[in-house]
């Protein structure tokens, strides 16, 4: 969701790396709009719950030379920290060197939330197996959005920055940049 929400905009379209064409809802000249900071070709590293364990004694460490564990794939994730032998560090504290997933941005769109397509709703993780003949995946996405942002969040129809990206397994400093 864009913050602050732009006012008086009918549409926004990127015309260059840092410039956007704004179509006002009326003939007003002034439009309050802060363009998204991302652009096609940018790369992002994914933060996740993790822990670094020193070699030998397997105690938590902040050293770059360690055995990295990730809550998403560690077979001991479901156990209590005292049984597992180490706590998880929150994703917000994950350093760049510990990342293992890199996102290559291929498209950036500024749009109203409710303008999400069926295909984009599927890309958000919709569990429906067939978006052509099954329930509308946008209904699933609406319910997800309301569960995350409050019961009336979908109805507010805020402006959002929709990123399209490809996923590459590997640390951002070790994977090659994709040609855009």
N, C-alpha and C. Protein backbone atom coordinates (compact mmCIF):
# COMPACT_ATOMS: atom_id res chain seq x y z
N UNK A 1 0.85 -1.16 0.00
CA UNK A 1 0.00 0.00 0.00
C UNK A 1 0.90 1.23 0.00
N UNK A 2 0.58 2.19 -0.85
CA UNK A 2 1.36 3.41 -0.90
C UNK A 2 1.06 4.27 0.32
N UNK A 3 2.10 4.81 0.91
CA UNK A 3 1.94 5.71 2.06
C UNK A 3 2.81 6.92 1.83
N UNK A 4 2.24 8.11 1.88
CA UNK A 4 0.82 8.39 2.06
C UNK A 4 0.05 8.07 0.78
N UNK A 5 -1.25 7.88 0.92
CA UNK A 5 -2.08 7.59 -0.23
C UNK A 5 -2.16 8.83 -1.13
N UNK A 6 -1.92 8.67 -2.44
CA UNK A 6 -2.04 9.81 -3.34
C UNK A 6 -3.48 10.27 -3.44
N UNK A 7 -3.68 11.56 -3.60
CA UNK A 7 -5.02 12.14 -3.70
C UNK A 7 -5.24 12.69 -5.10
N UNK A 8 -6.42 12.52 -5.62
CA UNK A 8 -6.80 13.14 -6.88
C UNK A 8 -6.16 12.53 -8.11
N UNK A 9 -5.77 11.26 -8.06
CA UNK A 9 -5.13 10.61 -9.19
C UNK A 9 -6.10 9.63 -9.83
N UNK A 10 -6.23 9.70 -11.15
CA UNK A 10 -7.04 8.72 -11.87
C UNK A 10 -6.17 7.54 -12.28
N UNK A 11 -4.92 7.80 -12.68
CA UNK A 11 -4.00 6.72 -13.04
C UNK A 11 -2.58 7.24 -12.98
N UNK A 12 -1.64 6.30 -12.90
CA UNK A 12 -0.22 6.64 -12.87
C UNK A 12 0.51 5.61 -13.71
N UNK A 13 1.44 6.07 -14.52
CA UNK A 13 2.18 5.17 -15.40
C UNK A 13 3.64 5.58 -15.44
N UNK A 14 4.52 4.61 -15.28
CA UNK A 14 5.96 4.88 -15.33
C UNK A 14 6.37 5.18 -16.77
N UNK A 15 7.14 6.25 -16.94
CA UNK A 15 7.64 6.60 -18.27
C UNK A 15 9.16 6.55 -18.34
N UNK A 16 9.80 6.40 -17.23
CA UNK A 16 11.25 6.29 -17.16
C UNK A 16 11.60 5.68 -15.83
N UNK A 17 12.88 5.55 -15.55
CA UNK A 17 13.27 4.93 -14.29
C UNK A 17 12.71 5.68 -13.09
N UNK A 18 12.72 7.00 -13.12
CA UNK A 18 12.30 7.76 -11.95
C UNK A 18 11.13 8.69 -12.23
N UNK A 19 10.54 8.64 -13.41
CA UNK A 19 9.47 9.59 -13.71
C UNK A 19 8.17 8.84 -14.03
N UNK A 20 7.08 9.48 -13.67
CA UNK A 20 5.76 8.90 -13.85
C UNK A 20 4.85 9.92 -14.52
N UNK A 21 3.91 9.44 -15.32
CA UNK A 21 2.86 10.29 -15.88
C UNK A 21 1.65 10.13 -14.98
N UNK A 22 1.14 11.25 -14.49
CA UNK A 22 0.02 11.26 -13.57
C UNK A 22 -1.20 11.81 -14.31
N UNK A 23 -2.31 11.11 -14.23
CA UNK A 23 -3.56 11.59 -14.80
C UNK A 23 -4.47 12.00 -13.64
N UNK A 24 -4.72 13.31 -13.47
CA UNK A 24 -5.57 13.76 -12.36
C UNK A 24 -7.03 13.36 -12.57
N UNK A 25 -7.78 13.20 -11.47
CA UNK A 25 -9.20 12.88 -11.55
C UNK A 25 -9.99 14.08 -12.06
N UNK A 26 -9.47 15.28 -11.84
CA UNK A 26 -10.14 16.50 -12.28
C UNK A 26 -9.11 17.36 -13.01
N UNK A 27 -9.40 18.61 -13.19
CA UNK A 27 -8.47 19.51 -13.87
C UNK A 27 -7.46 20.14 -12.91
N UNK A 28 -7.40 19.63 -11.70
CA UNK A 28 -6.44 20.17 -10.74
C UNK A 28 -5.03 20.00 -11.29
N UNK A 29 -4.18 20.93 -10.98
CA UNK A 29 -2.79 20.84 -11.42
C UNK A 29 -1.95 20.09 -10.39
N UNK A 30 -2.20 20.36 -9.12
CA UNK A 30 -1.38 19.76 -8.07
C UNK A 30 -1.90 18.37 -7.73
N UNK A 31 -1.02 17.41 -7.78
CA UNK A 31 -1.36 16.04 -7.42
C UNK A 31 -0.35 15.56 -6.40
N UNK A 32 -0.84 15.10 -5.24
CA UNK A 32 0.03 14.61 -4.18
C UNK A 32 0.38 13.15 -4.47
N UNK A 33 1.61 12.91 -4.90
CA UNK A 33 1.97 11.55 -5.28
C UNK A 33 3.46 11.34 -5.08
N UNK A 34 3.81 10.30 -4.36
CA UNK A 34 5.21 9.92 -4.19
C UNK A 34 5.40 8.62 -4.95
N UNK A 35 6.22 8.65 -6.00
CA UNK A 35 6.41 7.49 -6.85
C UNK A 35 7.10 6.35 -6.09
N UNK A 36 6.82 5.10 -6.46
CA UNK A 36 7.48 3.96 -5.83
C UNK A 36 8.99 4.03 -6.00
N UNK A 37 9.71 3.52 -5.03
CA UNK A 37 11.17 3.59 -5.07
C UNK A 37 11.79 2.49 -5.91
N UNK A 38 11.00 1.49 -6.29
CA UNK A 38 11.55 0.37 -7.06
C UNK A 38 11.27 0.55 -8.54
N UNK A 39 12.12 -0.06 -9.36
CA UNK A 39 11.98 -0.01 -10.81
C UNK A 39 12.42 -1.34 -11.40
N UNK A 40 11.95 -1.66 -12.61
CA UNK A 40 12.43 -2.88 -13.26
C UNK A 40 13.96 -2.88 -13.33
N UNK A 41 14.53 -4.04 -13.05
CA UNK A 41 15.99 -4.16 -13.03
C UNK A 41 16.56 -4.13 -11.62
N UNK A 42 15.80 -3.58 -10.66
CA UNK A 42 16.27 -3.58 -9.27
C UNK A 42 16.25 -5.00 -8.73
N UNK A 43 17.08 -5.23 -7.72
CA UNK A 43 17.11 -6.53 -7.05
C UNK A 43 16.86 -6.32 -5.56
N UNK A 44 16.13 -7.25 -4.97
CA UNK A 44 15.84 -7.21 -3.54
C UNK A 44 16.28 -8.52 -2.92
N UNK A 45 16.75 -8.45 -1.68
CA UNK A 45 17.05 -9.70 -0.98
C UNK A 45 15.97 -9.94 0.05
N UNK A 46 15.59 -11.22 0.18
CA UNK A 46 14.49 -11.61 1.05
C UNK A 46 15.02 -11.86 2.46
N UNK A 47 14.36 -11.26 3.42
CA UNK A 47 14.69 -11.51 4.83
C UNK A 47 13.73 -12.56 5.37
N UNK A 48 14.26 -13.44 6.20
CA UNK A 48 13.44 -14.48 6.81
C UNK A 48 13.98 -14.82 8.19
N UNK A 49 13.17 -15.48 9.01
CA UNK A 49 13.63 -15.89 10.34
C UNK A 49 14.79 -16.86 10.17
N UNK A 50 15.84 -16.66 10.94
CA UNK A 50 17.09 -17.39 10.71
C UNK A 50 17.88 -17.50 12.01
N UNK A 51 18.97 -18.26 11.93
CA UNK A 51 19.95 -18.34 13.02
C UNK A 51 21.27 -18.80 12.44
N UNK A 52 22.34 -18.21 12.91
CA UNK A 52 23.69 -18.64 12.56
C UNK A 52 24.27 -19.43 13.72
N UNK A 53 24.80 -20.61 13.41
CA UNK A 53 25.37 -21.46 14.46
C UNK A 53 26.86 -21.64 14.19
N UNK A 54 27.66 -21.42 15.22
CA UNK A 54 29.11 -21.55 15.05
C UNK A 54 29.47 -23.02 14.83
N UNK A 55 30.49 -23.25 14.04
CA UNK A 55 30.94 -24.61 13.77
C UNK A 55 31.59 -25.18 15.03
N UNK A 56 31.37 -26.43 15.30
CA UNK A 56 31.96 -27.09 16.45
C UNK A 56 30.98 -27.20 17.59
N UNK A 57 30.63 -26.06 18.22
CA UNK A 57 29.74 -26.12 19.38
C UNK A 57 28.28 -25.80 19.02
N UNK A 58 28.02 -25.36 17.81
CA UNK A 58 26.68 -25.03 17.33
C UNK A 58 25.92 -24.10 18.26
N UNK A 59 26.61 -23.08 18.74
CA UNK A 59 25.97 -22.04 19.52
C UNK A 59 25.66 -20.86 18.61
N UNK A 60 24.60 -20.11 18.92
CA UNK A 60 24.27 -18.95 18.09
C UNK A 60 25.45 -18.00 17.98
N UNK A 61 25.65 -17.48 16.77
CA UNK A 61 26.76 -16.56 16.51
C UNK A 61 26.32 -15.52 15.49
N UNK A 62 27.05 -14.41 15.45
CA UNK A 62 26.79 -13.37 14.44
C UNK A 62 27.89 -13.36 13.38
N UNK A 63 28.79 -14.32 13.45
CA UNK A 63 29.89 -14.41 12.51
C UNK A 63 29.39 -14.81 11.13
N UNK A 64 30.04 -14.30 10.09
CA UNK A 64 29.67 -14.69 8.73
C UNK A 64 30.13 -16.12 8.43
N UNK A 65 31.08 -16.62 9.20
CA UNK A 65 31.55 -17.99 9.00
C UNK A 65 30.76 -18.87 9.98
N UNK A 66 29.64 -19.40 9.51
CA UNK A 66 28.78 -20.20 10.39
C UNK A 66 27.85 -21.06 9.55
N UNK A 67 27.14 -21.94 10.23
CA UNK A 67 26.12 -22.77 9.61
C UNK A 67 24.80 -22.00 9.71
N UNK A 68 24.23 -21.62 8.59
CA UNK A 68 22.99 -20.86 8.59
C UNK A 68 21.78 -21.79 8.61
N UNK A 69 20.83 -21.47 9.47
CA UNK A 69 19.58 -22.21 9.56
C UNK A 69 18.44 -21.23 9.28
N UNK A 70 17.43 -21.71 8.58
CA UNK A 70 16.27 -20.87 8.25
C UNK A 70 15.01 -21.55 8.75
N UNK A 71 14.15 -20.79 9.43
CA UNK A 71 12.94 -21.35 10.02
C UNK A 71 12.05 -22.01 8.97
N UNK A 72 12.08 -21.51 7.74
CA UNK A 72 11.21 -22.04 6.69
C UNK A 72 11.60 -23.45 6.26
N UNK A 73 12.86 -23.84 6.46
CA UNK A 73 13.31 -25.15 5.96
C UNK A 73 14.01 -26.02 7.00
N UNK A 74 14.23 -25.53 8.19
CA UNK A 74 14.92 -26.31 9.22
C UNK A 74 14.00 -27.42 9.72
N UNK A 75 14.45 -28.66 9.74
CA UNK A 75 13.59 -29.76 10.21
C UNK A 75 13.23 -29.64 11.69
N UNK A 76 13.95 -28.82 12.45
CA UNK A 76 13.66 -28.66 13.87
C UNK A 76 12.77 -27.45 14.17
N UNK A 77 12.25 -26.81 13.15
CA UNK A 77 11.47 -25.58 13.32
C UNK A 77 10.33 -25.73 14.31
N UNK A 78 9.60 -26.82 14.26
CA UNK A 78 8.42 -27.00 15.10
C UNK A 78 8.72 -27.24 16.56
N UNK A 79 9.97 -27.47 16.91
CA UNK A 79 10.33 -27.73 18.32
C UNK A 79 10.54 -26.42 19.06
N UNK A 80 10.42 -26.50 20.38
CA UNK A 80 10.72 -25.33 21.21
C UNK A 80 12.20 -25.00 21.10
N UNK A 81 12.53 -23.73 21.33
CA UNK A 81 13.92 -23.27 21.21
C UNK A 81 14.84 -24.04 22.15
N UNK A 82 14.38 -24.37 23.36
CA UNK A 82 15.26 -25.08 24.30
C UNK A 82 15.52 -26.52 23.84
N UNK A 83 14.57 -27.12 23.13
CA UNK A 83 14.77 -28.45 22.59
C UNK A 83 15.66 -28.37 21.34
N UNK A 84 15.37 -27.38 20.49
CA UNK A 84 16.14 -27.19 19.26
C UNK A 84 17.58 -26.80 19.58
N UNK A 85 17.76 -26.05 20.66
CA UNK A 85 19.10 -25.62 21.07
C UNK A 85 19.44 -24.20 20.66
N UNK A 86 18.55 -23.54 19.95
CA UNK A 86 18.80 -22.15 19.53
C UNK A 86 17.47 -21.48 19.20
N UNK A 87 17.39 -20.17 19.47
CA UNK A 87 16.18 -19.43 19.11
C UNK A 87 16.28 -18.94 17.67
N UNK A 88 15.15 -18.55 17.11
CA UNK A 88 15.16 -17.92 15.79
C UNK A 88 15.40 -16.44 15.95
N UNK A 89 16.19 -15.90 15.06
CA UNK A 89 16.35 -14.45 15.00
C UNK A 89 15.27 -13.93 14.05
N UNK A 90 14.63 -12.82 14.41
CA UNK A 90 13.57 -12.28 13.54
C UNK A 90 14.13 -11.84 12.19
N UNK A 91 13.29 -11.92 11.17
CA UNK A 91 13.71 -11.56 9.82
C UNK A 91 14.24 -10.13 9.73
N UNK A 92 13.69 -9.23 10.54
CA UNK A 92 14.13 -7.84 10.49
C UNK A 92 15.61 -7.70 10.85
N UNK A 93 16.17 -8.68 11.54
CA UNK A 93 17.58 -8.63 11.94
C UNK A 93 18.49 -9.45 11.02
N UNK A 94 17.94 -9.97 9.93
CA UNK A 94 18.77 -10.77 9.02
C UNK A 94 19.71 -9.85 8.23
N UNK A 95 21.02 -10.10 8.31
CA UNK A 95 21.96 -9.29 7.51
C UNK A 95 21.95 -9.73 6.05
N UNK A 96 22.36 -8.84 5.20
CA UNK A 96 22.38 -9.10 3.76
C UNK A 96 23.18 -10.36 3.42
N UNK A 97 24.32 -10.57 4.12
CA UNK A 97 25.19 -11.71 3.81
C UNK A 97 24.52 -13.05 4.08
N UNK A 98 23.46 -13.07 4.90
CA UNK A 98 22.80 -14.33 5.24
C UNK A 98 21.63 -14.65 4.31
N UNK A 99 21.31 -13.77 3.38
CA UNK A 99 20.16 -14.01 2.50
C UNK A 99 20.43 -15.17 1.55
N UNK A 100 19.35 -15.83 1.15
CA UNK A 100 19.48 -16.96 0.22
C UNK A 100 18.50 -16.88 -0.94
N UNK A 101 17.69 -15.81 -0.97
CA UNK A 101 16.72 -15.62 -2.04
C UNK A 101 16.84 -14.19 -2.55
N UNK A 102 16.93 -14.05 -3.87
CA UNK A 102 17.03 -12.73 -4.50
C UNK A 102 15.85 -12.56 -5.45
N UNK A 103 15.21 -11.40 -5.38
CA UNK A 103 14.10 -11.08 -6.27
C UNK A 103 14.57 -10.09 -7.32
N UNK A 104 14.32 -10.38 -8.58
CA UNK A 104 14.66 -9.48 -9.69
C UNK A 104 13.35 -8.84 -10.15
N UNK A 105 13.21 -7.54 -9.95
CA UNK A 105 11.98 -6.84 -10.31
C UNK A 105 11.89 -6.70 -11.82
N UNK A 106 10.76 -7.15 -12.38
CA UNK A 106 10.56 -7.08 -13.82
C UNK A 106 9.50 -6.05 -14.21
N UNK A 107 8.63 -5.67 -13.27
CA UNK A 107 7.59 -4.68 -13.57
C UNK A 107 7.13 -4.03 -12.28
N UNK A 108 6.77 -2.75 -12.37
CA UNK A 108 6.22 -2.01 -11.24
C UNK A 108 4.97 -1.30 -11.74
N UNK A 109 3.86 -1.50 -11.05
CA UNK A 109 2.62 -0.83 -11.42
C UNK A 109 2.04 -0.15 -10.20
N UNK A 110 1.47 1.02 -10.40
CA UNK A 110 0.70 1.70 -9.37
C UNK A 110 -0.75 1.57 -9.79
N UNK A 111 -1.55 0.97 -8.93
CA UNK A 111 -2.95 0.70 -9.28
C UNK A 111 -3.80 0.66 -8.02
N UNK A 112 -5.10 0.71 -8.21
CA UNK A 112 -6.04 0.54 -7.11
C UNK A 112 -6.04 -0.94 -6.72
N UNK A 113 -6.19 -1.19 -5.44
CA UNK A 113 -6.18 -2.56 -4.91
C UNK A 113 -7.18 -3.45 -5.64
N UNK A 114 -8.38 -2.98 -5.83
CA UNK A 114 -9.43 -3.82 -6.42
C UNK A 114 -9.23 -4.05 -7.92
N UNK A 115 -8.22 -3.44 -8.52
CA UNK A 115 -7.91 -3.68 -9.94
C UNK A 115 -7.04 -4.91 -10.14
N UNK A 116 -6.77 -5.66 -9.07
CA UNK A 116 -5.94 -6.86 -9.19
C UNK A 116 -6.61 -7.84 -10.15
N UNK A 117 -5.82 -8.44 -11.01
CA UNK A 117 -6.35 -9.42 -11.97
C UNK A 117 -6.45 -10.80 -11.32
N UNK A 118 -7.17 -11.69 -11.97
CA UNK A 118 -7.27 -13.07 -11.47
C UNK A 118 -5.87 -13.70 -11.42
N UNK A 119 -5.08 -13.46 -12.46
CA UNK A 119 -3.73 -14.02 -12.52
C UNK A 119 -2.83 -13.48 -11.42
N UNK A 120 -2.94 -12.17 -11.14
CA UNK A 120 -2.13 -11.59 -10.07
C UNK A 120 -2.55 -12.12 -8.71
N UNK A 121 -3.85 -12.35 -8.52
CA UNK A 121 -4.33 -12.94 -7.25
C UNK A 121 -3.76 -14.35 -7.10
N UNK A 122 -3.71 -15.09 -8.20
CA UNK A 122 -3.11 -16.43 -8.15
C UNK A 122 -1.63 -16.33 -7.77
N UNK A 123 -0.93 -15.34 -8.32
CA UNK A 123 0.49 -15.17 -8.03
C UNK A 123 0.74 -14.79 -6.57
N UNK A 124 -0.26 -14.24 -5.91
CA UNK A 124 -0.12 -13.89 -4.50
C UNK A 124 -0.20 -15.11 -3.59
N UNK A 125 -0.49 -16.28 -4.18
CA UNK A 125 -0.51 -17.51 -3.39
C UNK A 125 -1.87 -18.15 -3.25
N UNK A 126 -2.82 -17.75 -4.06
CA UNK A 126 -4.17 -18.33 -3.98
C UNK A 126 -4.10 -19.85 -4.09
N UNK A 127 -4.75 -20.56 -3.18
CA UNK A 127 -4.67 -22.02 -3.19
C UNK A 127 -5.61 -22.71 -4.17
N UNK A 128 -6.45 -21.98 -4.88
CA UNK A 128 -7.37 -22.61 -5.82
C UNK A 128 -6.58 -23.22 -6.96
N UNK A 129 -6.87 -24.48 -7.32
CA UNK A 129 -6.09 -25.14 -8.36
C UNK A 129 -6.39 -24.66 -9.78
N UNK A 130 -7.59 -24.12 -10.01
CA UNK A 130 -7.95 -23.74 -11.37
C UNK A 130 -8.64 -22.38 -11.35
N UNK A 131 -7.94 -21.35 -11.80
CA UNK A 131 -8.53 -20.01 -11.74
C UNK A 131 -9.56 -19.77 -12.84
N UNK A 132 -9.62 -20.62 -13.86
CA UNK A 132 -10.58 -20.42 -14.94
C UNK A 132 -11.98 -20.89 -14.55
N UNK A 133 -12.08 -22.06 -13.88
CA UNK A 133 -13.38 -22.65 -13.62
C UNK A 133 -13.76 -22.67 -12.14
N UNK A 134 -12.83 -22.35 -11.27
CA UNK A 134 -13.12 -22.41 -9.84
C UNK A 134 -13.58 -21.07 -9.30
N UNK A 135 -13.55 -20.94 -8.00
CA UNK A 135 -13.91 -19.66 -7.38
C UNK A 135 -12.96 -18.56 -7.86
N UNK A 136 -13.42 -17.34 -7.79
CA UNK A 136 -12.61 -16.21 -8.23
C UNK A 136 -11.47 -16.00 -7.22
N UNK A 137 -10.21 -16.08 -7.66
CA UNK A 137 -9.09 -15.90 -6.74
C UNK A 137 -9.05 -14.50 -6.14
N UNK A 138 -9.72 -13.54 -6.77
CA UNK A 138 -9.76 -12.18 -6.20
C UNK A 138 -10.57 -12.18 -4.91
N UNK A 139 -11.56 -13.07 -4.78
CA UNK A 139 -12.32 -13.18 -3.53
C UNK A 139 -11.41 -13.69 -2.42
N UNK A 140 -10.58 -14.66 -2.73
CA UNK A 140 -9.60 -15.16 -1.75
C UNK A 140 -8.65 -14.04 -1.34
N UNK A 141 -8.16 -13.27 -2.33
CA UNK A 141 -7.22 -12.19 -2.04
C UNK A 141 -7.90 -11.10 -1.21
N UNK A 142 -9.17 -10.79 -1.49
CA UNK A 142 -9.91 -9.81 -0.70
C UNK A 142 -9.98 -10.24 0.77
N UNK A 143 -10.29 -11.52 1.00
CA UNK A 143 -10.36 -12.03 2.37
C UNK A 143 -9.00 -11.98 3.05
N UNK A 144 -7.95 -12.32 2.31
CA UNK A 144 -6.59 -12.23 2.86
C UNK A 144 -6.25 -10.79 3.22
N UNK A 145 -6.53 -9.86 2.31
CA UNK A 145 -6.21 -8.44 2.54
C UNK A 145 -6.93 -7.93 3.79
N UNK A 146 -8.22 -8.26 3.91
CA UNK A 146 -8.98 -7.82 5.08
C UNK A 146 -8.44 -8.44 6.37
N UNK A 147 -7.97 -9.68 6.30
CA UNK A 147 -7.43 -10.32 7.51
C UNK A 147 -6.12 -9.67 7.94
N UNK A 148 -5.38 -9.12 7.00
CA UNK A 148 -4.10 -8.47 7.32
C UNK A 148 -4.25 -7.00 7.68
N UNK A 149 -5.21 -6.31 7.05
CA UNK A 149 -5.28 -4.85 7.18
C UNK A 149 -6.56 -4.34 7.84
N UNK A 150 -7.46 -5.22 8.22
CA UNK A 150 -8.70 -4.79 8.89
C UNK A 150 -9.92 -5.09 8.03
N UNK A 151 -11.08 -5.21 8.65
CA UNK A 151 -12.28 -5.67 7.95
C UNK A 151 -12.75 -4.78 6.80
N UNK A 152 -12.45 -3.49 6.82
CA UNK A 152 -12.91 -2.60 5.75
C UNK A 152 -11.78 -2.18 4.82
N UNK A 153 -10.63 -2.83 4.91
CA UNK A 153 -9.46 -2.40 4.12
C UNK A 153 -9.68 -2.58 2.63
N UNK A 154 -10.33 -3.66 2.22
CA UNK A 154 -10.59 -3.89 0.80
C UNK A 154 -11.53 -2.82 0.25
N UNK A 155 -12.57 -2.52 1.01
CA UNK A 155 -13.57 -1.53 0.57
C UNK A 155 -12.95 -0.15 0.37
N UNK A 156 -11.89 0.17 1.12
CA UNK A 156 -11.21 1.47 0.98
C UNK A 156 -10.53 1.60 -0.38
N UNK A 157 -10.22 0.47 -1.02
CA UNK A 157 -9.60 0.44 -2.34
C UNK A 157 -8.39 1.38 -2.45
N UNK A 158 -7.38 1.17 -1.61
CA UNK A 158 -6.21 2.07 -1.63
C UNK A 158 -5.36 1.88 -2.88
N UNK A 159 -4.51 2.86 -3.13
CA UNK A 159 -3.51 2.74 -4.18
C UNK A 159 -2.41 1.84 -3.65
N UNK A 160 -1.94 0.91 -4.49
CA UNK A 160 -0.88 -0.01 -4.11
C UNK A 160 0.20 -0.01 -5.19
N UNK A 161 1.36 -0.42 -4.79
CA UNK A 161 2.47 -0.60 -5.72
C UNK A 161 2.60 -2.10 -5.94
N UNK A 162 2.29 -2.55 -7.14
CA UNK A 162 2.34 -3.98 -7.46
C UNK A 162 3.66 -4.29 -8.14
N UNK A 163 4.44 -5.15 -7.52
CA UNK A 163 5.74 -5.55 -8.07
C UNK A 163 5.62 -6.92 -8.71
N UNK A 164 6.19 -7.06 -9.88
CA UNK A 164 6.31 -8.37 -10.52
C UNK A 164 7.79 -8.70 -10.51
N UNK A 165 8.13 -9.94 -10.17
CA UNK A 165 9.54 -10.29 -10.04
C UNK A 165 9.76 -11.75 -10.35
N UNK A 166 11.01 -12.07 -10.62
CA UNK A 166 11.43 -13.47 -10.73
C UNK A 166 12.25 -13.78 -9.49
N UNK A 167 12.24 -15.04 -9.11
CA UNK A 167 12.96 -15.48 -7.91
C UNK A 167 14.21 -16.23 -8.33
N UNK A 168 15.31 -15.88 -7.72
CA UNK A 168 16.56 -16.60 -7.95
C UNK A 168 17.08 -17.06 -6.60
N UNK A 169 17.36 -18.35 -6.49
CA UNK A 169 17.91 -18.90 -5.25
C UNK A 169 19.38 -18.50 -5.17
N UNK A 170 19.74 -17.83 -4.10
CA UNK A 170 21.12 -17.44 -3.89
C UNK A 170 21.21 -16.06 -3.26
N UNK A 171 22.33 -15.82 -2.62
CA UNK A 171 22.60 -14.55 -1.97
C UNK A 171 22.69 -13.44 -3.01
N UNK A 172 22.15 -12.29 -2.69
CA UNK A 172 22.09 -11.16 -3.63
C UNK A 172 23.48 -10.74 -4.11
N UNK A 173 24.49 -10.91 -3.29
CA UNK A 173 25.84 -10.51 -3.69
C UNK A 173 26.56 -11.60 -4.48
N UNK A 174 25.95 -12.77 -4.61
CA UNK A 174 26.59 -13.88 -5.32
C UNK A 174 25.87 -14.27 -6.61
N UNK A 175 24.61 -13.86 -6.78
CA UNK A 175 23.89 -14.19 -8.00
C UNK A 175 24.12 -13.09 -9.03
N UNK A 176 24.09 -13.46 -10.27
CA UNK A 176 24.27 -12.48 -11.35
C UNK A 176 22.99 -11.69 -11.55
N UNK A 177 23.16 -10.43 -11.89
CA UNK A 177 22.00 -9.59 -12.18
C UNK A 177 21.40 -10.04 -13.52
N UNK A 178 20.07 -10.10 -13.57
CA UNK A 178 19.39 -10.47 -14.81
C UNK A 178 19.40 -9.28 -15.76
N UNK A 179 19.48 -9.56 -17.02
CA UNK A 179 19.39 -8.49 -18.01
C UNK A 179 17.95 -8.04 -18.10
N UNK A 180 17.73 -6.71 -18.02
CA UNK A 180 16.35 -6.22 -18.07
C UNK A 180 15.97 -5.82 -19.44
